């Protein structure tokens, strides 16, 4: 099931998937290419598969494709947690939104350090993601759509400033005229406000525009 993401007052994702798509679509192929067999995915392969299936579903439908990708000058972000069951949250950002997100993330890290917190930003990042994921899970359980709000922006920003190679890859894809996509898979099972336990893996790849609605293989994913 896909979930709707509300971002700064505008809806950025809609629709539910009644059943999982078992066909290996273009996004699934792209993600698997970036996650070869033997890669350290911390057991998150099923979460990445879920994200890929949802993206392929979205690309093949005009209204959703326009909603998420639009003119293509966006960064598409798809997130799922192993604890969300079959739910995936998809949103998108304009290129000029990334620097402010990085700035907000750095400010959050600075506040963490200034508070005299234990050394190690990994714990802070994992804890921040786990807390946000719990909030999203609560909304999903109540049948409500989560918001892609400032907390979500900081979550994504924390990963982008922590993995400069991923940010560079996103920039490279965008400069080449294609649409970058970022798949974020996590497992926050067992995490509590006092016990940070959150596995996170992310993959940046080119959104296969040829598979979008109206493309050569539209609707076949």
Protein backbone atom coordinates (compact mmCIF):
# COMPACT_ATOMS: atom_id res chain seq x y z
CA UNK A 1 0.00 0.00 0.00
CA UNK A 2 1.32 3.41 -0.94
CA UNK A 3 0.68 6.28 1.39
CA UNK A 4 0.01 9.89 0.68
CA UNK A 5 2.62 12.43 1.66
CA UNK A 6 1.56 15.98 2.41
CA UNK A 7 4.42 18.44 2.07
CA UNK A 8 4.16 22.12 2.94
CA UNK A 9 0.47 22.24 2.28
CA UNK A 10 0.47 20.40 -1.06
CA UNK A 11 -0.30 16.77 -1.64
CA UNK A 12 2.61 14.99 -3.21
CA UNK A 13 1.52 11.36 -3.35
CA UNK A 14 -1.76 9.51 -3.50
CA UNK A 15 -3.41 6.20 -4.25
CA UNK A 16 -3.35 2.76 -2.69
CA UNK A 17 -2.08 -0.44 -4.21
CA UNK A 18 -4.56 -3.24 -3.70
CA UNK A 19 -2.07 -6.01 -4.36
CA UNK A 20 1.69 -6.20 -4.67
CA UNK A 21 3.07 -6.41 -8.20
CA UNK A 22 5.20 -9.51 -8.61
CA UNK A 23 6.70 -8.55 -11.99
CA UNK A 24 10.28 -7.27 -11.92
CA UNK A 25 9.73 -3.73 -13.17
CA UNK A 26 12.26 -1.10 -14.25
CA UNK A 27 12.68 0.48 -10.82
CA UNK A 28 13.10 -2.95 -9.25
CA UNK A 29 15.78 -3.74 -11.82
CA UNK A 30 17.52 -0.40 -11.21
CA UNK A 31 17.57 -0.87 -7.44
CA UNK A 32 18.77 -4.45 -7.70
CA UNK A 33 21.57 -3.32 -9.99
CA UNK A 34 22.72 -0.95 -7.25
CA UNK A 35 22.30 -3.66 -4.61
CA UNK A 36 24.14 -6.67 -6.04
CA UNK A 37 24.01 -10.06 -4.37
CA UNK A 38 26.23 -10.07 -1.33
CA UNK A 39 25.87 -6.36 -0.64
CA UNK A 40 25.50 -5.38 3.01
CA UNK A 41 21.80 -4.56 3.07
CA UNK A 42 21.26 -5.57 6.69
CA UNK A 43 18.39 -7.85 5.74
CA UNK A 44 16.47 -4.99 4.12
CA UNK A 45 16.11 -6.59 0.68
CA UNK A 46 12.33 -7.13 1.12
CA UNK A 47 11.91 -3.46 2.01
CA UNK A 48 13.79 -2.37 -1.11
CA UNK A 49 11.65 -4.73 -3.20
CA UNK A 50 8.51 -3.18 -1.73
CA UNK A 51 9.77 0.32 -2.56
CA UNK A 52 10.64 -0.71 -6.12
CA UNK A 53 7.22 -2.27 -6.75
CA UNK A 54 5.51 0.86 -5.52
CA UNK A 55 7.62 3.13 -7.72
CA UNK A 56 6.91 0.97 -10.75
CA UNK A 57 3.19 1.15 -9.99
CA UNK A 58 3.43 4.93 -9.75
CA UNK A 59 5.36 5.40 -13.00
CA UNK A 60 2.79 3.48 -15.01
CA UNK A 61 -0.13 5.75 -14.05
CA UNK A 62 -0.43 9.21 -15.55
CA UNK A 63 -2.05 11.02 -12.62
CA UNK A 64 0.40 9.64 -10.07
CA UNK A 65 3.38 10.08 -12.37
CA UNK A 66 2.52 13.76 -12.89
CA UNK A 67 1.90 14.14 -9.17
CA UNK A 68 5.28 12.76 -8.09
CA UNK A 69 7.66 13.35 -10.99
CA UNK A 70 6.02 16.19 -12.88
CA UNK A 71 8.41 17.80 -15.34
CA UNK A 72 11.24 15.60 -14.11
CA UNK A 73 13.19 18.38 -12.37
CA UNK A 74 12.68 16.82 -8.96
CA UNK A 75 14.35 14.33 -6.68
CA UNK A 76 11.97 11.48 -5.95
CA UNK A 77 12.31 9.96 -2.47
CA UNK A 78 10.69 6.66 -1.51
CA UNK A 79 10.82 5.43 2.10
CA UNK A 80 9.64 2.29 3.83
CA UNK A 81 10.24 0.66 7.19
CA UNK A 82 10.06 -3.08 7.78
CA UNK A 83 7.58 -2.24 10.57
CA UNK A 84 5.20 -0.48 8.16
CA UNK A 85 4.06 -3.79 6.65
CA UNK A 86 3.22 -3.04 3.01
CA UNK A 87 3.31 0.76 3.20
CA UNK A 88 5.66 2.99 1.25
CA UNK A 89 5.86 6.77 1.47
CA UNK A 90 6.81 8.59 -1.71
CA UNK A 91 7.46 12.30 -1.97
CA UNK A 92 9.60 14.55 -4.13
CA UNK A 93 11.75 17.63 -3.70
CA UNK A 94 12.76 20.42 -6.00
CA UNK A 95 16.51 20.68 -6.46
CA UNK A 96 16.63 23.98 -4.57
CA UNK A 97 15.05 22.36 -1.51
CA UNK A 98 18.06 20.14 -0.79
CA UNK A 99 20.48 22.83 0.52
CA UNK A 100 17.99 24.09 3.16
CA UNK A 101 17.34 20.49 4.19
CA UNK A 102 21.07 19.94 4.64
CA UNK A 103 21.33 23.15 6.65
CA UNK A 104 18.49 22.10 8.95
CA UNK A 105 20.11 18.69 9.41
CA UNK A 106 23.47 20.23 10.33
CA UNK A 107 21.72 22.52 12.79
CA UNK A 108 20.09 19.49 14.41
CA UNK A 109 23.50 17.80 14.70
CA UNK A 110 25.00 20.97 16.21
CA UNK A 111 22.21 21.14 18.78
CA UNK A 112 22.83 17.48 19.61
CA UNK A 113 26.53 18.14 20.19
CA UNK A 114 25.89 21.35 22.14
CA UNK A 115 23.59 19.47 24.51
CA UNK A 116 26.55 17.36 25.60
CA UNK A 117 25.11 14.21 24.09
CA UNK A 118 27.33 11.14 23.79
CA UNK A 119 29.77 11.16 20.91
CA UNK A 120 28.67 9.46 17.74
CA UNK A 121 26.26 11.03 15.30
CA UNK A 122 25.16 7.58 14.13
CA UNK A 123 23.10 7.18 17.31
CA UNK A 124 21.46 10.55 16.80
CA UNK A 125 20.64 9.87 13.16
CA UNK A 126 19.28 6.41 13.94
CA UNK A 127 17.26 7.74 16.86
CA UNK A 128 15.82 10.59 14.80
CA UNK A 129 14.75 8.22 12.05
CA UNK A 130 13.30 5.71 14.53
CA UNK A 131 11.25 8.42 16.26
CA UNK A 132 9.90 9.73 12.96
CA UNK A 133 9.11 6.20 11.78
CA UNK A 134 7.14 5.52 14.98
CA UNK A 135 5.10 8.64 14.32
CA UNK A 136 4.38 7.55 10.75
CA UNK A 137 3.49 4.03 11.88
CA UNK A 138 0.97 5.43 14.37
CA UNK A 139 -0.72 7.40 11.61
CA UNK A 140 -0.78 4.39 9.31
CA UNK A 141 -2.32 2.25 12.03
CA UNK A 142 -5.06 4.85 12.45
CA UNK A 143 -5.69 4.92 8.71
CA UNK A 144 -4.29 8.41 8.27
CA UNK A 145 -1.78 9.65 5.71
CA UNK A 146 1.55 10.82 7.15
CA UNK A 147 2.87 14.29 6.43
CA UNK A 148 6.17 14.88 4.69
CA UNK A 149 6.95 17.65 7.16
CA UNK A 150 10.03 19.32 8.59
CA UNK A 151 10.95 16.22 10.59
CA UNK A 152 10.87 14.13 7.42
CA UNK A 153 12.99 16.73 5.65
CA UNK A 154 15.57 16.60 8.44
CA UNK A 155 15.61 12.80 8.29
CA UNK A 156 16.43 12.88 4.58
CA UNK A 157 18.86 15.76 5.07
CA UNK A 158 20.75 13.85 7.77
CA UNK A 159 21.41 11.02 5.33
CA UNK A 160 22.44 13.33 2.50
CA UNK A 161 25.05 15.13 4.60
CA UNK A 162 26.23 11.83 6.06
CA UNK A 163 26.69 10.16 2.67
CA UNK A 164 28.27 12.72 0.32
CA UNK A 165 28.72 10.05 -2.35
CA UNK A 166 24.94 9.62 -2.49
CA UNK A 167 24.43 13.38 -2.77
CA UNK A 168 27.07 13.53 -5.52
CA UNK A 169 25.30 10.74 -7.40
CA UNK A 170 21.98 12.59 -7.17
CA UNK A 171 23.64 15.72 -8.53
CA UNK A 172 25.30 13.76 -11.33
CA UNK A 173 21.99 12.23 -12.41
CA UNK A 174 20.22 15.61 -12.34
CA UNK A 175 23.00 17.34 -14.31
CA UNK A 176 22.65 14.63 -16.94
CA UNK A 177 19.03 15.62 -17.46
CA UNK A 178 17.49 12.55 -15.82
CA UNK A 179 15.36 12.28 -12.69
CA UNK A 180 17.23 11.09 -9.57
CA UNK A 181 15.47 8.77 -7.16
CA UNK A 182 16.47 7.90 -3.61
CA UNK A 183 15.22 4.68 -2.03
CA UNK A 184 15.53 4.58 1.77
CA UNK A 185 14.90 1.29 3.54
CA UNK A 186 14.93 0.95 7.31
CA UNK A 187 14.05 -1.40 10.10
CA UNK A 188 13.24 0.30 13.39
CA UNK A 189 11.85 -2.82 15.07
CA UNK A 190 12.77 -2.80 18.75
CA UNK A 191 13.67 0.89 18.83
CA UNK A 192 12.41 2.94 21.76
CA UNK A 193 13.03 6.54 22.85
CA UNK A 194 15.74 5.20 25.17
CA UNK A 195 17.08 2.44 22.98
CA UNK A 196 18.35 3.39 19.57
CA UNK A 197 18.05 0.50 17.19
CA UNK A 198 17.50 1.38 13.57
CA UNK A 199 19.04 -0.16 10.46
CA UNK A 200 19.14 2.17 7.47
CA UNK A 201 20.30 1.64 3.90
CA UNK A 202 19.86 3.98 0.94
CA UNK A 203 20.31 3.72 -2.80
CA UNK A 204 20.43 6.53 -5.37
CA UNK A 205 19.53 5.62 -8.93
CA UNK A 206 18.16 7.07 -12.15
CA UNK A 207 14.40 6.96 -12.41
CA UNK A 208 13.77 5.10 -15.69
CA UNK A 209 11.84 7.72 -17.65
CA UNK A 210 11.32 5.29 -20.53
CA UNK A 211 9.05 3.32 -18.21
CA UNK A 212 6.91 6.30 -17.21
CA UNK A 213 3.34 6.62 -18.38
CA UNK A 214 3.57 7.25 -22.12
CA UNK A 215 7.00 5.65 -22.38
CA UNK A 216 7.95 2.62 -24.45
CA UNK A 217 6.95 0.12 -21.77
CA UNK A 218 4.37 2.15 -19.88
CA UNK A 219 1.96 0.08 -17.85
CA UNK A 220 3.94 -3.12 -18.19
CA UNK A 221 5.79 -2.81 -14.87
